[in-house]
Amino acid sequence: MENKAHAIAAGVFVLGVTALLIVLAVWLTRDTGGMRRYEIVTRSTITGLQPQAAVRYRGVKVGKVARIDLDPKTPGLVLVLVDVEPDTPVTRSTYATLGYQGLTGIAFVQLDDTGEAPGALQPEPGSALARIPLRAGLMEQWSAQGGRVLEQLEETTRRVNLLLAPENQRALRKSIDALGEAAAAVPPAMQEARVSFQAMRESANSVGASAEQVRKTADHYARLAQRLQQPGGTLDQLQQGVGSLASTGQTLQQSSLPRLNRALDDAGRSVRQVGRAAATLDDNPQALIYGPALALPGPGEPGFVVPRGAR
């Protein structure tokens, strides 16, 4: 009875496993007639990508890898056939990259779109399937960048070896010695600079004091100019004085100058008369006592005498 129970349990277990295998086979080989097939073309290495790998559109699973082949018409070209759900927005600007799951190295196809060409992707003439280009993924970019970094590192190592050549080492030692001598000369120079800075500071203080004095003087002259320009100030008084002087000159020119001219004329005539009197006294001093001499009668006048020389 116990052996019969074990046999029944073993049979049930085998039937269950067989059913699971059948379900798995049906799921793996389910009809994909509702899926759209595309070709992903690349000349790069697709290490880690296997059939049945997931196809994701911006992180969302939309299909799987159906087959991976080499293009018989173009050597070196890899064709990756993928089945994608029909509602996936695959356009002419859609491209594919390889993504990797964690540290396992298992790759999947990542679809993305730049949005430059929103039209639906169509097969090229003479081709049955539309082709999606495969761009370099993050790992491939790192690999290429790593190669460039290694080249730069090699070039840097070569230059360092040239720098550390014996003749360069001697030149570097001389440079270090010269730097030491220059460093030794720095303290005296710093002391001189300190003295110069102190003198400059004192000069700056003097200039500041002078500037303050100049500012005070400028303020004083500003106040003086303000007082001079005030109504009734010195400028107004000077203007009034000039006006009065002009009025006085005009009055003198209109009234006093004619009188002064007549007085000067009278004085001139008096001076001429005094001059003639002085000349008369000089010729005949007796005229001061007897008066001026009588003038001799002329021809035809009584008492006229013909001069002797005229006879």
Protein backbone atom coordinates (compact mmCIF):
# COMPACT_ATOMS: atom_id res chain seq x y z
CA MET A 1 0.00 0.00 0.00
CA GLU A 2 2.84 2.34 0.89
CA ASN A 3 4.65 1.55 -2.40
CA LYS A 4 1.49 2.30 -4.32
CA ALA A 5 1.19 5.76 -2.61
CA HIS A 6 4.82 6.62 -3.54
CA ALA A 7 4.16 5.60 -7.12
CA ILE A 8 1.07 7.82 -7.28
CA ALA A 9 2.99 10.80 -5.84
CA ALA A 10 5.83 10.30 -8.31
CA GLY A 11 3.35 10.12 -11.18
CA VAL A 12 1.60 13.33 -10.06
CA PHE A 13 4.98 15.11 -9.81
CA VAL A 14 5.99 14.01 -13.30
CA LEU A 15 2.65 15.11 -14.73
CA GLY A 16 2.97 18.52 -13.05
CA VAL A 17 6.48 19.09 -14.37
CA THR A 18 5.36 18.01 -17.84
CA ALA A 19 2.46 20.48 -17.72
CA LEU A 20 4.80 23.28 -16.66
CA LEU A 21 7.17 22.46 -19.50
CA ILE A 22 4.28 22.45 -21.96
CA VAL A 23 3.06 25.84 -20.70
CA LEU A 24 6.59 27.25 -20.91
CA ALA A 25 7.03 25.93 -24.43
CA VAL A 26 3.68 27.40 -25.47
CA TRP A 27 4.61 30.76 -23.95
CA LEU A 28 8.00 30.78 -25.63
CA THR A 29 6.59 29.71 -28.99
CA ARG A 30 3.38 31.76 -28.81
CA ASP A 31 2.15 33.34 -32.01
CA THR A 32 3.85 36.65 -32.72
CA GLY A 33 1.66 37.55 -35.66
CA GLY A 34 0.51 40.70 -33.85
CA MET A 35 4.10 41.96 -33.44
CA ARG A 36 6.03 44.13 -35.87
CA ARG A 37 9.48 43.01 -36.92
CA TYR A 38 12.35 45.41 -37.48
CA GLU A 39 16.02 45.00 -38.35
CA ILE A 40 18.65 46.63 -36.22
CA VAL A 41 21.88 47.03 -38.19
CA THR A 42 25.34 47.68 -36.78
CA ARG A 43 29.01 47.12 -37.42
CA SER A 44 29.85 47.27 -33.73
CA THR A 45 30.30 44.35 -31.35
CA ILE A 46 27.10 43.25 -29.62
CA THR A 47 28.67 41.18 -26.85
CA GLY A 48 26.08 40.01 -24.28
CA LEU A 49 23.07 40.27 -26.57
CA GLN A 50 21.19 36.98 -27.00
CA PRO A 51 17.96 35.91 -28.71
CA GLN A 52 14.87 36.40 -26.52
CA ALA A 53 16.58 39.44 -24.92
CA ALA A 54 14.21 42.23 -24.00
CA VAL A 55 13.52 45.22 -26.24
CA ARG A 56 12.66 48.38 -24.31
CA TYR A 57 11.37 51.72 -25.54
CA ARG A 58 12.67 54.36 -23.13
CA GLY A 59 12.72 51.79 -20.36
CA VAL A 60 9.34 50.19 -21.14
CA LYS A 61 9.43 46.60 -22.41
CA VAL A 62 7.83 46.49 -25.85
CA GLY A 63 9.22 43.32 -27.41
CA LYS A 64 12.13 40.87 -27.66
CA VAL A 65 15.04 39.87 -29.86
CA ALA A 66 13.95 37.24 -32.40
CA ARG A 67 17.22 36.39 -34.12
CA ILE A 68 20.80 37.59 -34.55
CA ASP A 69 22.47 37.03 -37.95
CA LEU A 70 25.26 38.34 -40.12
CA ASP A 71 24.27 40.13 -43.32
CA PRO A 72 25.31 37.85 -46.19
CA LYS A 73 25.32 40.77 -48.63
CA THR A 74 27.49 43.14 -46.59
CA PRO A 75 30.50 41.62 -44.79
CA GLY A 76 30.89 42.81 -41.21
CA LEU A 77 27.30 44.00 -40.87
CA VAL A 78 25.28 42.46 -38.02
CA LEU A 79 21.51 42.11 -38.29
CA VAL A 80 19.42 41.92 -35.13
CA LEU A 81 15.78 41.02 -35.79
CA VAL A 82 13.42 42.31 -33.08
CA ASP A 83 9.67 41.86 -32.63
CA VAL A 84 8.01 45.00 -31.25
CA GLU A 85 4.43 45.64 -30.20
CA PRO A 86 2.47 47.38 -32.97
CA ASP A 87 1.57 50.42 -30.84
CA THR A 88 5.25 51.27 -30.23
CA PRO A 89 5.95 54.74 -31.78
CA VAL A 90 8.85 53.75 -34.04
CA THR A 91 9.60 56.77 -36.28
CA ARG A 92 12.29 57.73 -38.80
CA SER A 93 14.31 59.32 -35.99
CA THR A 94 14.21 56.23 -33.75
CA TYR A 95 17.56 54.65 -32.93
CA ALA A 96 18.74 51.70 -30.83
CA THR A 97 21.49 51.26 -28.21
CA LEU A 98 22.62 48.37 -26.08
CA GLY A 99 21.86 48.47 -22.39
CA TYR A 100 23.23 46.15 -19.70
CA GLN A 101 21.46 44.79 -16.68
CA GLY A 102 23.52 45.52 -13.62
CA LEU A 103 26.83 43.67 -13.41
CA THR A 104 25.62 40.49 -15.08
CA GLY A 105 26.64 41.59 -18.56
CA ILE A 106 23.26 40.53 -20.03
CA ALA A 107 22.40 43.01 -22.76
CA PHE A 108 19.05 44.27 -24.01
CA VAL A 109 17.99 46.57 -26.82
CA GLN A 110 17.08 50.11 -25.80
CA LEU A 111 15.01 52.12 -28.31
CA ASP A 112 14.92 55.91 -28.17
CA ASP A 113 13.79 58.77 -30.40
CA THR A 114 15.23 62.22 -31.07
CA GLY A 115 11.89 63.59 -32.30
CA GLU A 116 13.44 65.15 -35.43
CA ALA A 117 11.37 63.04 -37.89
CA PRO A 118 7.96 62.12 -36.44
CA GLY A 119 6.85 60.09 -39.50
CA ALA A 120 6.46 56.31 -39.17
CA LEU A 121 9.52 54.22 -40.11
CA GLN A 122 9.03 52.46 -43.45
CA PRO A 123 11.15 49.76 -45.18
CA GLU A 124 13.66 50.97 -47.75
CA PRO A 125 13.08 50.10 -51.42
CA GLY A 126 14.14 46.51 -52.06
CA SER A 127 14.04 45.60 -48.35
CA ALA A 128 11.31 43.64 -46.61
CA LEU A 129 11.92 45.07 -43.13
CA ALA A 130 12.45 48.59 -41.85
CA ARG A 131 15.93 49.13 -40.44
CA ILE A 132 16.77 50.87 -37.15
CA PRO A 133 20.38 52.06 -36.72
CA LEU A 134 22.30 50.93 -33.66
CA ARG A 135 24.31 53.72 -32.02
CA ALA A 136 27.21 53.32 -29.65
CA GLY A 137 26.02 52.62 -26.15
CA LEU A 138 27.45 53.82 -22.87
CA MET A 139 29.82 50.89 -22.52
CA GLU A 140 31.09 51.29 -26.07
CA GLN A 141 31.62 55.02 -25.52
CA TRP A 142 33.52 54.25 -22.32
CA SER A 143 35.60 51.70 -24.20
CA ALA A 144 36.48 54.22 -26.93
CA GLN A 145 37.17 56.90 -24.35
CA GLY A 146 39.31 54.44 -22.42
CA GLY A 147 41.37 53.80 -25.56
CA ARG A 148 41.94 57.53 -26.01
CA VAL A 149 42.82 57.88 -22.35
CA LEU A 150 45.36 55.09 -22.66
CA GLU A 151 46.89 56.78 -25.71
CA GLN A 152 47.13 60.06 -23.81
CA LEU A 153 48.60 58.24 -20.82
CA GLU A 154 51.19 56.63 -23.07
CA GLU A 155 52.07 60.02 -24.57
CA THR A 156 52.30 61.53 -21.07
CA THR A 157 54.60 58.70 -19.95
CA ARG A 158 56.83 59.26 -22.98
CA ARG A 159 57.09 62.96 -22.24
CA VAL A 160 57.83 62.30 -18.57
CA ASN A 161 60.63 59.94 -19.61
CA LEU A 162 62.03 62.68 -21.85
CA LEU A 163 61.74 65.16 -19.01
CA LEU A 164 63.62 62.86 -16.65
CA ALA A 165 66.53 62.37 -19.06
CA PRO A 166 70.00 62.98 -17.48
CA GLU A 167 70.57 66.32 -19.23
CA ASN A 168 67.11 67.51 -18.23
CA GLN A 169 67.74 66.40 -14.66
CA ARG A 170 70.91 68.51 -14.57
CA ALA A 171 69.01 71.50 -15.99
CA LEU A 172 66.25 70.94 -13.44
CA ARG A 173 68.83 70.77 -10.63
CA LYS A 174 70.33 74.07 -11.79
CA SER A 175 66.87 75.60 -11.90
CA ILE A 176 66.21 74.42 -8.36
CA ASP A 177 69.53 75.93 -7.21
CA ALA A 178 68.65 79.20 -8.91
CA LEU A 179 65.27 79.15 -7.20
CA GLY A 180 67.05 78.62 -3.88
CA GLU A 181 69.30 81.62 -4.49
CA ALA A 182 66.30 83.69 -5.52
CA ALA A 183 64.45 82.59 -2.39
CA ALA A 184 67.45 83.62 -0.29
CA ALA A 185 67.36 87.07 -1.90
CA VAL A 186 63.67 87.47 -1.19
CA PRO A 187 63.89 88.56 2.52
CA PRO A 188 66.12 91.64 1.85
CA ALA A 189 63.91 92.56 -1.06
CA MET A 190 60.87 92.15 1.17
CA GLN A 191 62.50 94.42 3.76
CA GLU A 192 63.16 97.06 1.12
CA ALA A 193 59.64 96.68 -0.13
CA ARG A 194 58.35 97.10 3.41
CA VAL A 195 60.32 100.35 3.76
CA SER A 196 59.05 101.53 0.37
CA PHE A 197 55.49 100.68 1.35
CA GLN A 198 55.93 102.61 4.60
CA ALA A 199 57.18 105.64 2.67
CA MET A 200 54.30 105.30 0.26
CA ARG A 201 51.90 105.13 3.20
CA GLU A 202 53.37 108.30 4.70
CA SER A 203 53.18 110.01 1.30
CA ALA A 204 49.60 108.89 1.00
CA ASN A 205 48.83 110.35 4.43
CA SER A 206 50.48 113.65 3.42
CA VAL A 207 48.55 113.68 0.20
CA GLY A 208 45.39 113.00 2.18
CA ALA A 209 46.11 115.93 4.51
CA SER A 210 46.86 118.17 1.52
CA ALA A 211 43.69 117.04 -0.14
CA GLU A 212 41.76 117.88 3.04
CA GLN A 213 43.34 121.35 3.12
CA VAL A 214 42.54 121.83 -0.56
CA ARG A 215 38.99 120.76 0.12
CA LYS A 216 38.69 123.26 2.96
CA THR A 217 40.15 126.02 0.77
CA ALA A 218 37.76 125.12 -2.02
CA ASP A 219 34.85 125.26 0.44
CA HIS A 220 36.06 128.67 1.64
CA TYR A 221 36.27 130.02 -1.91
CA ALA A 222 32.88 128.52 -2.66
CA ARG A 223 31.37 130.34 0.33
CA LEU A 224 33.19 133.56 -0.70
CA ALA A 225 31.86 133.26 -4.26
CA GLN A 226 28.39 132.63 -2.89
CA ARG A 227 28.60 135.76 -0.72
CA LEU A 228 29.89 137.81 -3.66
CA GLN A 229 27.03 136.61 -5.85
CA GLN A 230 24.30 137.18 -3.27
CA PRO A 231 21.79 140.01 -3.93
CA GLY A 232 23.19 143.20 -2.38
CA GLY A 233 26.65 141.66 -2.12
CA THR A 234 29.98 142.97 -3.24
CA LEU A 235 29.35 142.34 -6.93
CA ASP A 236 26.04 144.19 -6.79
CA GLN A 237 27.68 147.08 -4.93
CA LEU A 238 30.50 147.23 -7.48
CA GLN A 239 27.95 147.21 -10.27
CA GLN A 240 26.03 150.05 -8.60
CA GLY A 241 29.29 152.01 -8.11
CA VAL A 242 30.22 151.56 -11.74
CA GLY A 243 26.76 152.71 -12.71
CA SER A 244 27.08 155.79 -10.48
CA LEU A 245 30.51 156.56 -11.89
CA ALA A 246 29.14 156.25 -15.40
CA SER A 247 26.27 158.59 -14.52
CA THR A 248 28.73 161.10 -12.98
CA GLY A 249 30.91 160.98 -16.09
CA GLN A 250 27.90 161.51 -18.30
CA THR A 251 26.82 164.50 -16.16
CA LEU A 252 30.32 165.98 -16.32
CA GLN A 253 30.40 165.49 -20.07
CA GLN A 254 27.03 167.15 -20.54
CA SER A 255 27.32 170.18 -18.16
CA SER A 256 30.75 170.78 -16.64
CA LEU A 257 33.00 170.06 -19.63
CA PRO A 258 31.67 172.99 -21.79
CA ARG A 259 32.22 175.39 -18.89
CA LEU A 260 35.67 173.97 -18.29
CA ASN A 261 36.50 174.42 -21.98
CA ARG A 262 35.40 178.09 -21.87
CA ALA A 263 37.42 178.65 -18.69
CA LEU A 264 40.45 177.12 -20.36
CA ASP A 265 39.99 179.39 -23.39
CA ASP A 266 39.79 182.47 -21.14
CA ALA A 267 42.85 181.30 -19.24
CA GLY A 268 44.69 180.88 -22.55
CA ARG A 269 43.86 184.41 -23.66
CA SER A 270 44.96 185.78 -20.27
CA VAL A 271 48.22 183.88 -20.53
CA ARG A 272 48.80 185.29 -24.02
CA GLN A 273 48.14 188.81 -22.79
CA VAL A 274 50.53 188.30 -19.86
CA GLY A 275 53.10 187.02 -22.31
CA ARG A 276 52.80 190.09 -24.50
CA ALA A 277 53.07 192.35 -21.43
CA ALA A 278 56.17 190.48 -20.29
CA ALA A 279 57.69 190.86 -23.77
CA THR A 280 56.93 194.60 -23.74
CA LEU A 281 58.58 195.04 -20.33
CA ASP A 282 61.56 193.10 -21.55
CA ASP A 283 61.97 195.44 -24.54
CA ASN A 284 61.15 198.69 -22.68
CA PRO A 285 61.45 198.41 -18.88
CA GLN A 286 60.56 202.10 -18.60
CA ALA A 287 57.13 201.28 -19.75
CA LEU A 288 56.44 199.98 -16.24
CA ILE A 289 56.89 203.64 -14.97
CA TYR A 290 56.02 205.80 -17.94
CA GLY A 291 53.65 203.53 -19.58
CA PRO A 292 53.93 202.08 -23.02
CA ALA A 293 55.70 204.22 -25.65
CA LEU A 294 53.61 206.05 -28.14
CA ALA A 295 53.62 204.62 -31.57
CA LEU A 296 55.38 206.81 -34.22
CA PRO A 297 53.04 208.53 -36.67
CA GLY A 298 52.82 206.93 -40.01
CA PRO A 299 52.91 208.56 -43.40
CA GLY A 300 50.21 211.15 -43.68
CA GLU A 301 49.78 211.46 -39.94
CA PRO A 302 50.67 214.67 -38.09
CA GLY A 303 54.33 214.67 -36.92
CA PHE A 304 55.50 212.09 -39.42
CA VAL A 305 59.19 212.36 -40.11
CA VAL A 306 60.82 210.60 -42.98
CA PRO A 307 63.69 208.43 -41.75
CA ARG A 308 67.14 209.56 -42.83
CA GLY A 309 68.08 206.51 -44.71
CA ALA A 310 65.01 206.82 -46.85
CA ARG A 311 65.97 210.21 -48.36
